[in-house]
Amino acid sequence: MKNILVAFLLVSSTCVVNANDLEMNVNSELAKVESELDACKVVILTNKLIGMGDAAVASLSQALSSEAVGNQSKWSAAMALGHIGNARAISALETTVKSTSDSWLKMLAQDSISMIKGEIPRAGKVYVYAFGVKKTKVDCESGKIEIIP
């Protein structure tokens, strides 16, 4: 019985440490997003958040309502939640849609809700799109540029 209790305590404490580490990683990535001016670097950071998956949903959801988090970071959090696709994020996204005065954040939150509900396809990552003489889609990680017809 003593061995089982010790094993349970080790597993429990590992989970708490990992959850705290994940929250710190999410907050660290969001802080980097806020100070970044390069669109490709913001996309790469947002894709890191998406890569954290379901485990990041609570921290990303909290970021949407935090006054300590700037708008650019909230944009990334909203996009990440949509691409992660976990229904637990819908409530935070709906609250954001109702409460924000930032029209871009509102649109991103609405799109993310639609992605989670399956109304808009999820790509699993975000890209930079440019609309000039030709429309292009840039994969910032690989550097691949695709011309959109």
N, C-alpha and C. Protein backbone atom coordinates (compact mmCIF):
# COMPACT_ATOMS: atom_id res chain seq x y z
N MET A 1 0.83 -1.18 0.00
CA MET A 1 0.00 0.00 0.00
C MET A 1 0.88 1.25 0.00
N LYS A 2 1.96 1.20 0.76
CA LYS A 2 2.87 2.34 0.85
C LYS A 2 3.48 2.64 -0.52
N ASN A 3 3.85 1.59 -1.26
CA ASN A 3 4.43 1.77 -2.60
C ASN A 3 3.44 2.40 -3.56
N ILE A 4 2.17 2.02 -3.47
CA ILE A 4 1.15 2.58 -4.35
C ILE A 4 0.95 4.05 -4.04
N LEU A 5 0.92 4.42 -2.79
CA LEU A 5 0.74 5.81 -2.39
C LEU A 5 1.91 6.67 -2.86
N VAL A 6 3.12 6.18 -2.71
CA VAL A 6 4.30 6.91 -3.16
C VAL A 6 4.25 7.11 -4.68
N ALA A 7 3.89 6.07 -5.40
CA ALA A 7 3.80 6.17 -6.86
C ALA A 7 2.73 7.19 -7.25
N PHE A 8 1.59 7.20 -6.57
CA PHE A 8 0.53 8.16 -6.85
C PHE A 8 1.01 9.59 -6.60
N LEU A 9 1.71 9.80 -5.52
CA LEU A 9 2.22 11.13 -5.21
C LEU A 9 3.22 11.60 -6.26
N LEU A 10 4.08 10.70 -6.73
CA LEU A 10 5.04 11.06 -7.76
C LEU A 10 4.33 11.44 -9.06
N VAL A 11 3.35 10.66 -9.47
CA VAL A 11 2.61 10.96 -10.69
C VAL A 11 1.84 12.26 -10.54
N SER A 12 1.20 12.47 -9.39
CA SER A 12 0.42 13.68 -9.15
C SER A 12 1.30 14.92 -9.19
N SER A 13 2.44 14.86 -8.54
CA SER A 13 3.31 16.04 -8.52
C SER A 13 3.92 16.31 -9.89
N THR A 14 4.16 15.26 -10.66
CA THR A 14 4.67 15.43 -12.03
C THR A 14 3.63 16.14 -12.88
N CYS A 15 2.36 15.77 -12.75
CA CYS A 15 1.30 16.40 -13.53
C CYS A 15 1.16 17.87 -13.18
N VAL A 16 1.27 18.23 -11.89
CA VAL A 16 1.17 19.62 -11.48
C VAL A 16 2.33 20.43 -12.05
N VAL A 17 3.53 19.88 -11.97
CA VAL A 17 4.69 20.57 -12.51
C VAL A 17 4.53 20.76 -14.01
N ASN A 18 4.10 19.72 -14.72
CA ASN A 18 3.92 19.83 -16.16
C ASN A 18 2.85 20.85 -16.52
N ALA A 19 1.76 20.91 -15.76
CA ALA A 19 0.70 21.89 -16.02
C ALA A 19 1.23 23.29 -15.79
N ASN A 20 1.99 23.48 -14.72
CA ASN A 20 2.57 24.81 -14.44
C ASN A 20 3.57 25.19 -15.52
N ASP A 21 4.39 24.22 -15.95
CA ASP A 21 5.35 24.48 -17.03
C ASP A 21 4.63 24.88 -18.31
N LEU A 22 3.54 24.18 -18.63
CA LEU A 22 2.80 24.49 -19.84
C LEU A 22 2.21 25.90 -19.77
N GLU A 23 1.62 26.24 -18.63
CA GLU A 23 1.06 27.59 -18.47
C GLU A 23 2.15 28.65 -18.62
N MET A 24 3.32 28.39 -18.06
CA MET A 24 4.45 29.33 -18.20
C MET A 24 4.87 29.41 -19.66
N ASN A 25 4.90 28.27 -20.38
CA ASN A 25 5.26 28.27 -21.81
C ASN A 25 4.25 29.06 -22.63
N VAL A 26 2.96 28.86 -22.36
CA VAL A 26 1.92 29.61 -23.09
C VAL A 26 2.10 31.09 -22.83
N ASN A 27 2.25 31.47 -21.57
CA ASN A 27 2.41 32.89 -21.23
C ASN A 27 3.69 33.47 -21.83
N SER A 28 4.75 32.69 -21.87
CA SER A 28 6.01 33.13 -22.45
C SER A 28 5.86 33.38 -23.95
N GLU A 29 5.20 32.45 -24.65
CA GLU A 29 4.98 32.61 -26.09
C GLU A 29 4.09 33.81 -26.37
N LEU A 30 3.05 34.00 -25.55
CA LEU A 30 2.17 35.16 -25.75
C LEU A 30 2.91 36.48 -25.51
N ALA A 31 3.81 36.50 -24.55
CA ALA A 31 4.61 37.71 -24.30
C ALA A 31 5.51 38.01 -25.50
N LYS A 32 6.08 36.97 -26.11
CA LYS A 32 6.91 37.17 -27.30
C LYS A 32 6.07 37.72 -28.45
N VAL A 33 4.85 37.21 -28.59
CA VAL A 33 3.95 37.67 -29.66
C VAL A 33 3.69 39.17 -29.50
N GLU A 34 3.45 39.59 -28.28
CA GLU A 34 3.06 40.98 -28.03
C GLU A 34 4.13 41.97 -28.46
N SER A 35 5.37 41.60 -28.33
CA SER A 35 6.45 42.55 -28.66
C SER A 35 7.00 42.36 -30.07
N GLU A 36 6.45 41.39 -30.81
CA GLU A 36 6.99 41.08 -32.13
C GLU A 36 6.33 41.92 -33.22
N LEU A 37 7.14 42.48 -34.12
CA LEU A 37 6.63 43.28 -35.22
C LEU A 37 6.62 42.51 -36.55
N ASP A 38 7.43 41.47 -36.66
CA ASP A 38 7.54 40.69 -37.89
C ASP A 38 6.38 39.70 -37.96
N ALA A 39 5.56 39.83 -39.03
CA ALA A 39 4.37 38.98 -39.16
C ALA A 39 4.72 37.50 -39.20
N CYS A 40 5.80 37.14 -39.88
CA CYS A 40 6.18 35.72 -39.94
C CYS A 40 6.56 35.19 -38.56
N LYS A 41 7.26 35.98 -37.79
CA LYS A 41 7.63 35.52 -36.44
C LYS A 41 6.39 35.36 -35.56
N VAL A 42 5.40 36.25 -35.72
CA VAL A 42 4.14 36.11 -34.97
C VAL A 42 3.45 34.82 -35.37
N VAL A 43 3.43 34.51 -36.65
CA VAL A 43 2.82 33.27 -37.15
C VAL A 43 3.54 32.05 -36.57
N ILE A 44 4.85 32.07 -36.55
CA ILE A 44 5.63 30.95 -35.99
C ILE A 44 5.30 30.76 -34.51
N LEU A 45 5.23 31.87 -33.76
CA LEU A 45 4.88 31.78 -32.34
C LEU A 45 3.46 31.26 -32.16
N THR A 46 2.53 31.72 -32.99
CA THR A 46 1.15 31.24 -32.91
C THR A 46 1.08 29.75 -33.22
N ASN A 47 1.86 29.31 -34.19
CA ASN A 47 1.89 27.89 -34.52
C ASN A 47 2.48 27.06 -33.38
N LYS A 48 3.41 27.63 -32.61
CA LYS A 48 3.92 26.93 -31.42
C LYS A 48 2.79 26.73 -30.41
N LEU A 49 1.95 27.77 -30.25
CA LEU A 49 0.81 27.67 -29.33
C LEU A 49 -0.16 26.59 -29.81
N ILE A 50 -0.42 26.55 -31.11
CA ILE A 50 -1.30 25.52 -31.67
C ILE A 50 -0.70 24.14 -31.41
N GLY A 51 0.61 24.02 -31.56
CA GLY A 51 1.29 22.75 -31.33
C GLY A 51 1.21 22.25 -29.90
N MET A 52 0.94 23.13 -28.96
CA MET A 52 0.78 22.71 -27.56
C MET A 52 -0.52 21.95 -27.35
N GLY A 53 -1.45 22.11 -28.27
CA GLY A 53 -2.68 21.32 -28.28
C GLY A 53 -3.64 21.57 -27.13
N ASP A 54 -4.43 20.54 -26.86
CA ASP A 54 -5.50 20.62 -25.87
C ASP A 54 -5.03 21.09 -24.50
N ALA A 55 -3.81 20.75 -24.15
CA ALA A 55 -3.29 21.11 -22.83
C ALA A 55 -3.15 22.63 -22.67
N ALA A 56 -3.10 23.37 -23.77
CA ALA A 56 -2.93 24.83 -23.70
C ALA A 56 -4.26 25.57 -23.69
N VAL A 57 -5.38 24.87 -23.86
CA VAL A 57 -6.68 25.52 -24.01
C VAL A 57 -7.03 26.40 -22.81
N ALA A 58 -6.84 25.92 -21.60
CA ALA A 58 -7.21 26.71 -20.42
C ALA A 58 -6.40 28.01 -20.35
N SER A 59 -5.10 27.92 -20.55
CA SER A 59 -4.26 29.12 -20.47
C SER A 59 -4.57 30.10 -21.60
N LEU A 60 -4.79 29.59 -22.81
CA LEU A 60 -5.13 30.46 -23.93
C LEU A 60 -6.50 31.12 -23.72
N SER A 61 -7.44 30.36 -23.17
CA SER A 61 -8.77 30.91 -22.88
C SER A 61 -8.69 32.02 -21.84
N GLN A 62 -7.89 31.81 -20.81
CA GLN A 62 -7.71 32.84 -19.78
C GLN A 62 -7.07 34.10 -20.36
N ALA A 63 -6.16 33.93 -21.30
CA ALA A 63 -5.48 35.08 -21.90
C ALA A 63 -6.46 36.01 -22.60
N LEU A 64 -7.53 35.45 -23.16
CA LEU A 64 -8.50 36.27 -23.88
C LEU A 64 -9.17 37.31 -22.99
N SER A 65 -9.34 37.00 -21.71
CA SER A 65 -10.02 37.93 -20.80
C SER A 65 -9.07 38.69 -19.88
N SER A 66 -7.79 38.43 -19.98
CA SER A 66 -6.82 39.06 -19.08
C SER A 66 -6.48 40.48 -19.53
N GLU A 67 -6.59 41.41 -18.62
CA GLU A 67 -6.20 42.79 -18.92
C GLU A 67 -4.69 42.94 -19.04
N ALA A 68 -3.95 41.98 -18.54
CA ALA A 68 -2.49 42.01 -18.61
C ALA A 68 -1.97 41.57 -19.98
N VAL A 69 -2.85 41.00 -20.80
CA VAL A 69 -2.46 40.49 -22.12
C VAL A 69 -2.90 41.50 -23.17
N GLY A 70 -1.97 41.87 -24.04
CA GLY A 70 -2.25 42.85 -25.10
C GLY A 70 -3.04 42.26 -26.25
N ASN A 71 -3.54 43.13 -27.10
CA ASN A 71 -4.40 42.68 -28.21
C ASN A 71 -3.71 41.74 -29.18
N GLN A 72 -2.47 42.01 -29.54
CA GLN A 72 -1.79 41.13 -30.49
C GLN A 72 -1.68 39.71 -29.94
N SER A 73 -1.41 39.59 -28.65
CA SER A 73 -1.35 38.27 -28.02
C SER A 73 -2.73 37.62 -27.97
N LYS A 74 -3.76 38.41 -27.74
CA LYS A 74 -5.12 37.87 -27.73
C LYS A 74 -5.50 37.39 -29.13
N TRP A 75 -5.05 38.09 -30.18
CA TRP A 75 -5.32 37.63 -31.54
C TRP A 75 -4.72 36.25 -31.74
N SER A 76 -3.46 36.08 -31.31
CA SER A 76 -2.80 34.77 -31.46
C SER A 76 -3.50 33.70 -30.63
N ALA A 77 -3.90 34.06 -29.42
CA ALA A 77 -4.60 33.09 -28.56
C ALA A 77 -5.91 32.65 -29.21
N ALA A 78 -6.67 33.60 -29.76
CA ALA A 78 -7.94 33.26 -30.41
C ALA A 78 -7.71 32.36 -31.62
N MET A 79 -6.72 32.69 -32.44
CA MET A 79 -6.42 31.86 -33.61
C MET A 79 -5.99 30.46 -33.17
N ALA A 80 -5.13 30.39 -32.18
CA ALA A 80 -4.64 29.08 -31.70
C ALA A 80 -5.80 28.23 -31.20
N LEU A 81 -6.72 28.83 -30.46
CA LEU A 81 -7.85 28.06 -29.94
C LEU A 81 -8.69 27.48 -31.07
N GLY A 82 -8.90 28.25 -32.11
CA GLY A 82 -9.67 27.73 -33.24
C GLY A 82 -8.98 26.57 -33.92
N HIS A 83 -7.67 26.69 -34.13
CA HIS A 83 -6.93 25.64 -34.82
C HIS A 83 -6.71 24.41 -33.95
N ILE A 84 -6.68 24.60 -32.63
CA ILE A 84 -6.61 23.43 -31.73
C ILE A 84 -7.93 22.68 -31.82
N GLY A 85 -9.03 23.42 -31.83
CA GLY A 85 -10.33 22.81 -32.07
C GLY A 85 -11.01 22.17 -30.88
N ASN A 86 -10.63 22.52 -29.67
CA ASN A 86 -11.22 21.92 -28.47
C ASN A 86 -12.46 22.72 -28.05
N ALA A 87 -13.57 22.03 -27.88
CA ALA A 87 -14.84 22.68 -27.54
C ALA A 87 -14.81 23.42 -26.19
N ARG A 88 -13.86 23.08 -25.33
CA ARG A 88 -13.76 23.80 -24.04
C ARG A 88 -13.46 25.28 -24.23
N ALA A 89 -12.98 25.67 -25.39
CA ALA A 89 -12.63 27.08 -25.65
C ALA A 89 -13.83 27.92 -26.08
N ILE A 90 -14.92 27.29 -26.44
CA ILE A 90 -16.05 28.04 -27.00
C ILE A 90 -16.57 29.11 -26.04
N SER A 91 -16.72 28.79 -24.78
CA SER A 91 -17.24 29.76 -23.81
C SER A 91 -16.38 31.02 -23.76
N ALA A 92 -15.06 30.85 -23.67
CA ALA A 92 -14.15 32.01 -23.61
C ALA A 92 -14.20 32.80 -24.91
N LEU A 93 -14.29 32.11 -26.02
CA LEU A 93 -14.37 32.79 -27.32
C LEU A 93 -15.69 33.55 -27.46
N GLU A 94 -16.79 32.95 -27.01
CA GLU A 94 -18.09 33.65 -27.06
C GLU A 94 -18.09 34.88 -26.17
N THR A 95 -17.49 34.77 -25.00
CA THR A 95 -17.38 35.93 -24.10
C THR A 95 -16.56 37.03 -24.76
N THR A 96 -15.51 36.65 -25.45
CA THR A 96 -14.67 37.62 -26.15
C THR A 96 -15.46 38.33 -27.24
N VAL A 97 -16.23 37.57 -28.00
CA VAL A 97 -17.05 38.16 -29.07
C VAL A 97 -18.00 39.21 -28.49
N LYS A 98 -18.60 38.90 -27.34
CA LYS A 98 -19.58 39.81 -26.73
C LYS A 98 -18.94 41.01 -26.06
N SER A 99 -17.73 40.85 -25.53
CA SER A 99 -17.17 41.89 -24.67
C SER A 99 -16.10 42.77 -25.29
N THR A 100 -15.46 42.34 -26.37
CA THR A 100 -14.34 43.11 -26.90
C THR A 100 -14.81 44.25 -27.80
N SER A 101 -14.07 45.34 -27.77
CA SER A 101 -14.33 46.44 -28.71
C SER A 101 -13.36 46.36 -29.89
N ASP A 102 -12.44 45.40 -29.85
CA ASP A 102 -11.46 45.19 -30.91
C ASP A 102 -12.12 44.36 -32.02
N SER A 103 -12.39 45.01 -33.16
CA SER A 103 -13.12 44.32 -34.24
C SER A 103 -12.34 43.14 -34.82
N TRP A 104 -11.01 43.24 -34.86
CA TRP A 104 -10.19 42.13 -35.38
C TRP A 104 -10.26 40.93 -34.43
N LEU A 105 -10.14 41.18 -33.14
CA LEU A 105 -10.24 40.10 -32.16
C LEU A 105 -11.62 39.46 -32.21
N LYS A 106 -12.66 40.28 -32.35
CA LYS A 106 -14.02 39.76 -32.44
C LYS A 106 -14.15 38.82 -33.64
N MET A 107 -13.62 39.24 -34.80
CA MET A 107 -13.71 38.41 -36.00
C MET A 107 -12.92 37.10 -35.83
N LEU A 108 -11.71 37.20 -35.26
CA LEU A 108 -10.91 35.99 -35.04
C LEU A 108 -11.61 35.03 -34.09
N ALA A 109 -12.22 35.56 -33.02
CA ALA A 109 -12.93 34.71 -32.06
C ALA A 109 -14.13 34.05 -32.72
N GLN A 110 -14.87 34.80 -33.56
CA GLN A 110 -16.02 34.22 -34.27
C GLN A 110 -15.56 33.12 -35.23
N ASP A 111 -14.48 33.38 -35.96
CA ASP A 111 -13.94 32.37 -36.87
C ASP A 111 -13.49 31.13 -36.11
N SER A 112 -12.88 31.33 -34.96
CA SER A 112 -12.41 30.19 -34.16
C SER A 112 -13.58 29.35 -33.65
N ILE A 113 -14.66 30.01 -33.25
CA ILE A 113 -15.86 29.27 -32.84
C ILE A 113 -16.36 28.43 -34.01
N SER A 114 -16.39 29.04 -35.19
CA SER A 114 -16.84 28.31 -36.39
C SER A 114 -15.92 27.13 -36.70
N MET A 115 -14.60 27.30 -36.50
CA MET A 115 -13.67 26.19 -36.73
C MET A 115 -13.96 25.05 -35.76
N ILE A 116 -14.14 25.40 -34.49
CA ILE A 116 -14.38 24.37 -33.47
C ILE A 116 -15.68 23.62 -33.76
N LYS A 117 -16.69 24.34 -34.26
CA LYS A 117 -17.97 23.71 -34.58
C LYS A 117 -17.94 22.98 -35.91
N GLY A 118 -16.83 23.07 -36.64
CA GLY A 118 -16.69 22.37 -37.91
C GLY A 118 -17.29 23.11 -39.10
N GLU A 119 -17.64 24.37 -38.91
CA GLU A 119 -18.24 25.16 -39.99
C GLU A 119 -17.17 25.73 -40.93
N ILE A 120 -15.96 25.89 -40.42
CA ILE A 120 -14.81 26.35 -41.21
C ILE A 120 -13.72 25.30 -41.00
N PRO A 121 -13.05 24.87 -42.07
CA PRO A 121 -11.99 23.85 -41.89
C PRO A 121 -10.80 24.40 -41.10
N ARG A 122 -10.23 23.52 -40.28
CA ARG A 122 -9.03 23.86 -39.52
C ARG A 122 -7.81 23.39 -40.29
N ALA A 123 -6.83 24.27 -40.42
CA ALA A 123 -5.59 23.90 -41.11
C ALA A 123 -4.56 23.32 -40.14
N GLY A 124 -4.75 23.55 -38.85
CA GLY A 124 -3.79 23.07 -37.87
C GLY A 124 -2.60 24.00 -37.70
N LYS A 125 -2.55 25.04 -38.51
CA LYS A 125 -1.51 26.06 -38.38
C LYS A 125 -1.98 27.30 -39.12
N VAL A 126 -1.31 28.42 -38.85
CA VAL A 126 -1.65 29.67 -39.53
C VAL A 126 -0.55 30.06 -40.51
N TYR A 127 -0.91 30.87 -41.46
CA TYR A 127 -0.02 31.31 -42.52
C TYR A 127 -0.09 32.83 -42.65
N VAL A 128 0.83 33.40 -43.40
CA VAL A 128 0.76 34.82 -43.77
C VAL A 128 0.19 34.87 -45.18
N TYR A 129 -0.83 35.67 -45.34
CA TYR A 129 -1.43 35.87 -46.66
C TYR A 129 -1.14 37.29 -47.11
N ALA A 130 -0.80 37.45 -48.38
CA ALA A 130 -0.55 38.78 -48.95
C ALA A 130 -1.43 38.94 -50.18
N PHE A 131 -2.03 40.09 -50.30
CA PHE A 131 -2.91 40.37 -51.43
C PHE A 131 -2.42 41.62 -52.14
N GLY A 132 -1.62 41.44 -53.16
CA GLY A 132 -1.12 42.53 -53.98
C GLY A 132 -1.52 42.25 -55.41
N VAL A 133 -0.58 42.33 -56.31
CA VAL A 133 -0.86 41.99 -57.70
C VAL A 133 -1.30 40.53 -57.78
N LYS A 134 -0.64 39.67 -57.00
CA LYS A 134 -1.02 38.26 -56.88
C LYS A 134 -1.26 37.96 -55.41
N LYS A 135 -2.18 37.05 -55.16
CA LYS A 135 -2.43 36.60 -53.80
C LYS A 135 -1.43 35.50 -53.46
N THR A 136 -0.83 35.58 -52.29
CA THR A 136 0.12 34.55 -51.89
C THR A 136 -0.16 34.06 -50.48
N LYS A 137 0.26 32.83 -50.23
CA LYS A 137 0.18 32.19 -48.92
C LYS A 137 1.59 31.78 -48.56
N VAL A 138 2.08 32.26 -47.41
CA VAL A 138 3.46 31.98 -46.99
C VAL A 138 3.45 31.07 -45.77
N ASP A 139 4.17 29.95 -45.89
CA ASP A 139 4.41 29.07 -44.75
C ASP A 139 5.71 29.57 -44.12
N CYS A 140 5.58 30.26 -43.00
CA CYS A 140 6.75 30.92 -42.40
C CYS A 140 7.80 29.95 -41.88
N GLU A 141 7.38 28.73 -41.47
CA GLU A 141 8.36 27.77 -40.99
C GLU A 141 9.23 27.23 -42.13
N SER A 142 8.60 26.91 -43.25
CA SER A 142 9.36 26.30 -44.35
C SER A 142 9.86 27.33 -45.35
N GLY A 143 9.25 28.52 -45.34
CA GLY A 143 9.62 29.54 -46.32
C GLY A 143 8.92 29.37 -47.66
N LYS A 144 8.07 28.36 -47.76
CA LYS A 144 7.37 28.08 -49.01
C LYS A 144 6.32 29.16 -49.27
N ILE A 145 6.32 29.68 -50.50
CA ILE A 145 5.34 30.68 -50.93
C ILE A 145 4.48 30.06 -52.01
N GLU A 146 3.19 30.14 -51.81
CA GLU A 146 2.24 29.54 -52.76
C GLU A 146 1.39 30.67 -53.36
N ILE A 147 1.25 30.68 -54.67
CA ILE A 147 0.38 31.67 -55.32
C ILE A 147 -1.04 31.11 -55.29
N ILE A 148 -1.96 31.94 -54.82
CA ILE A 148 -3.36 31.53 -54.71
C ILE A 148 -4.09 31.96 -55.97
N PRO A 149 -4.75 31.02 -56.66
CA PRO A 149 -5.45 31.39 -57.91
C PRO A 149 -6.65 32.30 -57.66
